[in-house]
């Protein structure tokens, strides 16, 4: 990686895009020297978020970029959709909540896997989730 970091944008338009994004995150996390556990957490998190976009909205985008904070470096992933939005984020973040009869571990599980997690959503405008994992 160069000193200026990197920034890559990927579109979620078809189901195969989820696989492609998983592969990209695996490759980048390996190059950045995340350990295998952190690599797996990153791939799982991005897979869950991309799957949510595909299942609930149909299309969106994923931005993968290097993150730096003082003496830390890591991977920042932003997942954006222009879907219906989430009317109750607190409810959506609670363990066991699912609108599609899943396990209800998606957003709350993703948050637990990451070092940083933020979500913003506006009904009728869409949702943006930002996750960060720091190299340890």
C-alpha atoms as a PDB file:
ATOM      1  CA  UNK A   1       0.000   0.000   0.000  1.00  0.00           C
ATOM      2  CA  UNK A   2       1.256   3.479  -0.691  1.00  0.00           C
ATOM      3  CA  UNK A   3       1.246   6.349   1.791  1.00  0.00           C
ATOM      4  CA  UNK A   4      -1.888   7.802   0.264  1.00  0.00           C
ATOM      5  CA  UNK A   5      -3.893   4.644   0.836  1.00  0.00           C
ATOM      6  CA  UNK A   6      -6.435   3.306  -1.591  1.00  0.00           C
ATOM      7  CA  UNK A   7     -10.079   3.789  -2.410  1.00  0.00           C
ATOM      8  CA  UNK A   8     -12.120   1.339  -4.478  1.00  0.00           C
ATOM      9  CA  UNK A   9     -15.821   1.368  -5.253  1.00  0.00           C
ATOM     10  CA  UNK A  10     -17.821  -1.738  -6.176  1.00  0.00           C
ATOM     11  CA  UNK A  11     -21.417  -1.998  -7.325  1.00  0.00           C
ATOM     12  CA  UNK A  12     -23.907  -4.519  -5.973  1.00  0.00           C
ATOM     13  CA  UNK A  13     -26.208  -5.219  -8.884  1.00  0.00           C
ATOM     14  CA  UNK A  14     -26.312  -9.007  -9.225  1.00  0.00           C
ATOM     15  CA  UNK A  15     -25.853 -11.767  -6.672  1.00  0.00           C
ATOM     16  CA  UNK A  16     -22.372 -12.603  -7.985  1.00  0.00           C
ATOM     17  CA  UNK A  17     -21.237  -9.115  -6.913  1.00  0.00           C
ATOM     18  CA  UNK A  18     -21.454 -10.296  -3.294  1.00  0.00           C
ATOM     19  CA  UNK A  19     -18.905 -13.024  -4.030  1.00  0.00           C
ATOM     20  CA  UNK A  20     -16.662 -10.587  -5.891  1.00  0.00           C
ATOM     21  CA  UNK A  21     -16.714  -8.122  -2.970  1.00  0.00           C
ATOM     22  CA  UNK A  22     -15.940 -10.921  -0.498  1.00  0.00           C
ATOM     23  CA  UNK A  23     -12.933 -11.942  -2.603  1.00  0.00           C
ATOM     24  CA  UNK A  24     -11.670  -8.360  -2.830  1.00  0.00           C
ATOM     25  CA  UNK A  25     -11.928  -7.834   0.926  1.00  0.00           C
ATOM     26  CA  UNK A  26     -10.183 -11.155   1.598  1.00  0.00           C
ATOM     27  CA  UNK A  27      -7.333 -10.219  -0.753  1.00  0.00           C
ATOM     28  CA  UNK A  28      -6.909  -6.674   0.595  1.00  0.00           C
ATOM     29  CA  UNK A  29      -7.056  -7.790   4.230  1.00  0.00           C
ATOM     30  CA  UNK A  30      -4.398 -10.407   3.511  1.00  0.00           C
ATOM     31  CA  UNK A  31      -2.125  -7.848   1.803  1.00  0.00           C
ATOM     32  CA  UNK A  32      -2.627  -5.506   4.773  1.00  0.00           C
ATOM     33  CA  UNK A  33      -1.461  -8.358   7.038  1.00  0.00           C
ATOM     34  CA  UNK A  34      -4.614  -8.860   9.058  1.00  0.00           C
ATOM     35  CA  UNK A  35      -4.468 -12.189  10.871  1.00  0.00           C
ATOM     36  CA  UNK A  36      -6.740 -14.977   9.628  1.00  0.00           C
ATOM     37  CA  UNK A  37      -9.357 -14.328  12.325  1.00  0.00           C
ATOM     38  CA  UNK A  38      -9.609 -10.636  11.404  1.00  0.00           C
ATOM     39  CA  UNK A  39      -9.715 -11.540   7.695  1.00  0.00           C
ATOM     40  CA  UNK A  40     -12.616 -13.885   8.365  1.00  0.00           C
ATOM     41  CA  UNK A  41     -14.453 -11.241  10.412  1.00  0.00           C
ATOM     42  CA  UNK A  42     -14.039  -8.670   7.634  1.00  0.00           C
ATOM     43  CA  UNK A  43     -15.225 -11.058   4.933  1.00  0.00           C
ATOM     44  CA  UNK A  44     -18.189 -12.161   7.043  1.00  0.00           C
ATOM     45  CA  UNK A  45     -19.185  -8.575   7.822  1.00  0.00           C
ATOM     46  CA  UNK A  46     -18.972  -7.312   4.239  1.00  0.00           C
ATOM     47  CA  UNK A  47     -20.793 -10.396   3.023  1.00  0.00           C
ATOM     48  CA  UNK A  48     -23.645  -9.800   5.464  1.00  0.00           C
ATOM     49  CA  UNK A  49     -23.960  -6.126   4.580  1.00  0.00           C
ATOM     50  CA  UNK A  50     -23.782  -6.738   0.818  1.00  0.00           C
ATOM     51  CA  UNK A  51     -26.331  -9.550   1.131  1.00  0.00           C
ATOM     52  CA  UNK A  52     -28.680  -7.199   3.003  1.00  0.00           C
ATOM     53  CA  UNK A  53     -28.409  -4.648   0.195  1.00  0.00           C
ATOM     54  CA  UNK A  54     -29.056  -7.264  -2.465  1.00  0.00           C
ATOM     55  CA  UNK A  55     -31.952  -8.924  -0.598  1.00  0.00           C
ATOM     56  CA  UNK A  56     -33.722  -5.792   0.618  1.00  0.00           C
ATOM     57  CA  UNK A  57     -32.942  -3.213  -2.077  1.00  0.00           C
ATOM     58  CA  UNK A  58     -31.498  -5.026  -5.090  1.00  0.00           C
ATOM     59  CA  UNK A  59     -28.584  -2.691  -5.692  1.00  0.00           C
ATOM     60  CA  UNK A  60     -26.084  -0.500  -3.929  1.00  0.00           C
ATOM     61  CA  UNK A  61     -22.390   0.125  -3.597  1.00  0.00           C
ATOM     62  CA  UNK A  62     -19.470  -0.853  -1.416  1.00  0.00           C
ATOM     63  CA  UNK A  63     -16.475   1.405  -0.871  1.00  0.00           C
ATOM     64  CA  UNK A  64     -13.299  -0.226   0.409  1.00  0.00           C
ATOM     65  CA  UNK A  65     -10.511   2.023   1.619  1.00  0.00           C
ATOM     66  CA  UNK A  66      -7.515   2.142   3.866  1.00  0.00           C
ATOM     67  CA  UNK A  67      -8.146   3.768   7.240  1.00  0.00           C
ATOM     68  CA  UNK A  68      -5.568   5.558   9.355  1.00  0.00           C
ATOM     69  CA  UNK A  69      -5.892   6.956  12.860  1.00  0.00           C
ATOM     70  CA  UNK A  70      -2.784   8.185  14.683  1.00  0.00           C
ATOM     71  CA  UNK A  71      -0.595   5.107  14.742  1.00  0.00           C
ATOM     72  CA  UNK A  72      -3.249   2.628  13.616  1.00  0.00           C
ATOM     73  CA  UNK A  73      -4.095   1.482  10.140  1.00  0.00           C
ATOM     74  CA  UNK A  74      -6.972  -0.615   9.052  1.00  0.00           C
ATOM     75  CA  UNK A  75      -9.704  -1.264   6.553  1.00  0.00           C
ATOM     76  CA  UNK A  76     -12.815   0.894   6.263  1.00  0.00           C
ATOM     77  CA  UNK A  77     -15.807  -0.415   4.337  1.00  0.00           C
ATOM     78  CA  UNK A  78     -18.847   1.715   3.543  1.00  0.00           C
ATOM     79  CA  UNK A  79     -22.008   0.050   2.227  1.00  0.00           C
ATOM     80  CA  UNK A  80     -24.624   2.351   0.704  1.00  0.00           C
ATOM     81  CA  UNK A  81     -28.070   1.789  -0.743  1.00  0.00           C
ATOM     82  CA  UNK A  82     -30.844   4.057  -1.954  1.00  0.00           C
ATOM     83  CA  UNK A  83     -33.585   1.758  -0.689  1.00  0.00           C
ATOM     84  CA  UNK A  84     -36.574   2.284   1.584  1.00  0.00           C
ATOM     85  CA  UNK A  85     -34.421   2.904   4.652  1.00  0.00           C
ATOM     86  CA  UNK A  86     -34.761   1.404   8.110  1.00  0.00           C
ATOM     87  CA  UNK A  87     -37.631   2.923  10.110  1.00  0.00           C
ATOM     88  CA  UNK A  88     -36.343   1.775  13.530  1.00  0.00           C
ATOM     89  CA  UNK A  89     -32.559   1.330  13.685  1.00  0.00           C
ATOM     90  CA  UNK A  90     -32.599   0.330  17.371  1.00  0.00           C
ATOM     91  CA  UNK A  91     -35.020  -2.492  16.598  1.00  0.00           C
ATOM     92  CA  UNK A  92     -33.051  -3.541  13.510  1.00  0.00           C
ATOM     93  CA  UNK A  93     -29.862  -3.657  15.615  1.00  0.00           C
ATOM     94  CA  UNK A  94     -31.364  -5.876  18.293  1.00  0.00           C
ATOM     95  CA  UNK A  95     -30.365  -9.550  18.391  1.00  0.00           C
ATOM     96  CA  UNK A  96     -33.024 -11.783  16.934  1.00  0.00           C
ATOM     97  CA  UNK A  97     -34.816  -9.131  14.872  1.00  0.00           C
ATOM     98  CA  UNK A  98     -35.432 -10.126  11.267  1.00  0.00           C
ATOM     99  CA  UNK A  99     -37.870  -8.963   8.629  1.00  0.00           C
ATOM    100  CA  UNK A 100     -37.219 -12.011   6.431  1.00  0.00           C
ATOM    101  CA  UNK A 101     -37.411 -14.869   8.932  1.00  0.00           C
ATOM    102  CA  UNK A 102     -33.631 -15.100   9.259  1.00  0.00           C
ATOM    103  CA  UNK A 103     -31.665 -15.570  12.476  1.00  0.00           C
ATOM    104  CA  UNK A 104     -31.689 -11.849  13.192  1.00  0.00           C
ATOM    105  CA  UNK A 105     -27.926 -11.650  13.669  1.00  0.00           C
ATOM    106  CA  UNK A 106     -27.105  -9.538  10.590  1.00  0.00           C
ATOM    107  CA  UNK A 107     -26.526  -5.959  11.691  1.00  0.00           C
ATOM    108  CA  UNK A 108     -25.963  -6.723  15.368  1.00  0.00           C
ATOM    109  CA  UNK A 109     -23.593  -9.562  14.485  1.00  0.00           C
ATOM    110  CA  UNK A 110     -21.684  -7.370  12.061  1.00  0.00           C
ATOM    111  CA  UNK A 111     -21.242  -4.733  14.749  1.00  0.00           C
ATOM    112  CA  UNK A 112     -19.777  -7.329  17.119  1.00  0.00           C
ATOM    113  CA  UNK A 113     -17.226  -8.415  14.498  1.00  0.00           C
ATOM    114  CA  UNK A 114     -15.859  -4.931  13.865  1.00  0.00           C
ATOM    115  CA  UNK A 115     -13.821  -2.422  15.862  1.00  0.00           C
ATOM    116  CA  UNK A 116     -16.035   0.425  14.673  1.00  0.00           C
ATOM    117  CA  UNK A 117     -19.586   0.393  13.325  1.00  0.00           C
ATOM    118  CA  UNK A 118     -21.973   3.161  12.391  1.00  0.00           C
ATOM    119  CA  UNK A 119     -25.299   3.168  10.614  1.00  0.00           C
ATOM    120  CA  UNK A 120     -27.377   5.998   9.230  1.00  0.00           C
ATOM    121  CA  UNK A 121     -30.716   5.460   7.581  1.00  0.00           C
ATOM    122  CA  UNK A 122     -33.522   7.667   6.408  1.00  0.00           C
ATOM    123  CA  UNK A 123     -36.875   6.277   5.384  1.00  0.00           C
ATOM    124  CA  UNK A 124     -37.378   6.770   1.672  1.00  0.00           C
ATOM    125  CA  UNK A 125     -33.741   7.694   1.039  1.00  0.00           C
ATOM    126  CA  UNK A 126     -31.576   4.724   1.980  1.00  0.00           C
ATOM    127  CA  UNK A 127     -29.005   3.402   4.386  1.00  0.00           C
ATOM    128  CA  UNK A 128     -25.265   3.785   4.901  1.00  0.00           C
ATOM    129  CA  UNK A 129     -23.257   1.438   7.095  1.00  0.00           C
ATOM    130  CA  UNK A 130     -19.581   2.105   7.857  1.00  0.00           C
ATOM    131  CA  UNK A 131     -17.378  -0.563   9.427  1.00  0.00           C
ATOM    132  CA  UNK A 132     -13.705  -0.406  10.398  1.00  0.00           C
ATOM    133  CA  UNK A 133     -11.297  -3.123  11.461  1.00  0.00           C
ATOM    134  CA  UNK A 134      -7.845  -2.161  12.713  1.00  0.00           C
ATOM    135  CA  UNK A 135      -4.722  -4.222  12.092  1.00  0.00           C
ATOM    136  CA  UNK A 136      -3.454  -5.502  15.450  1.00  0.00           C
END
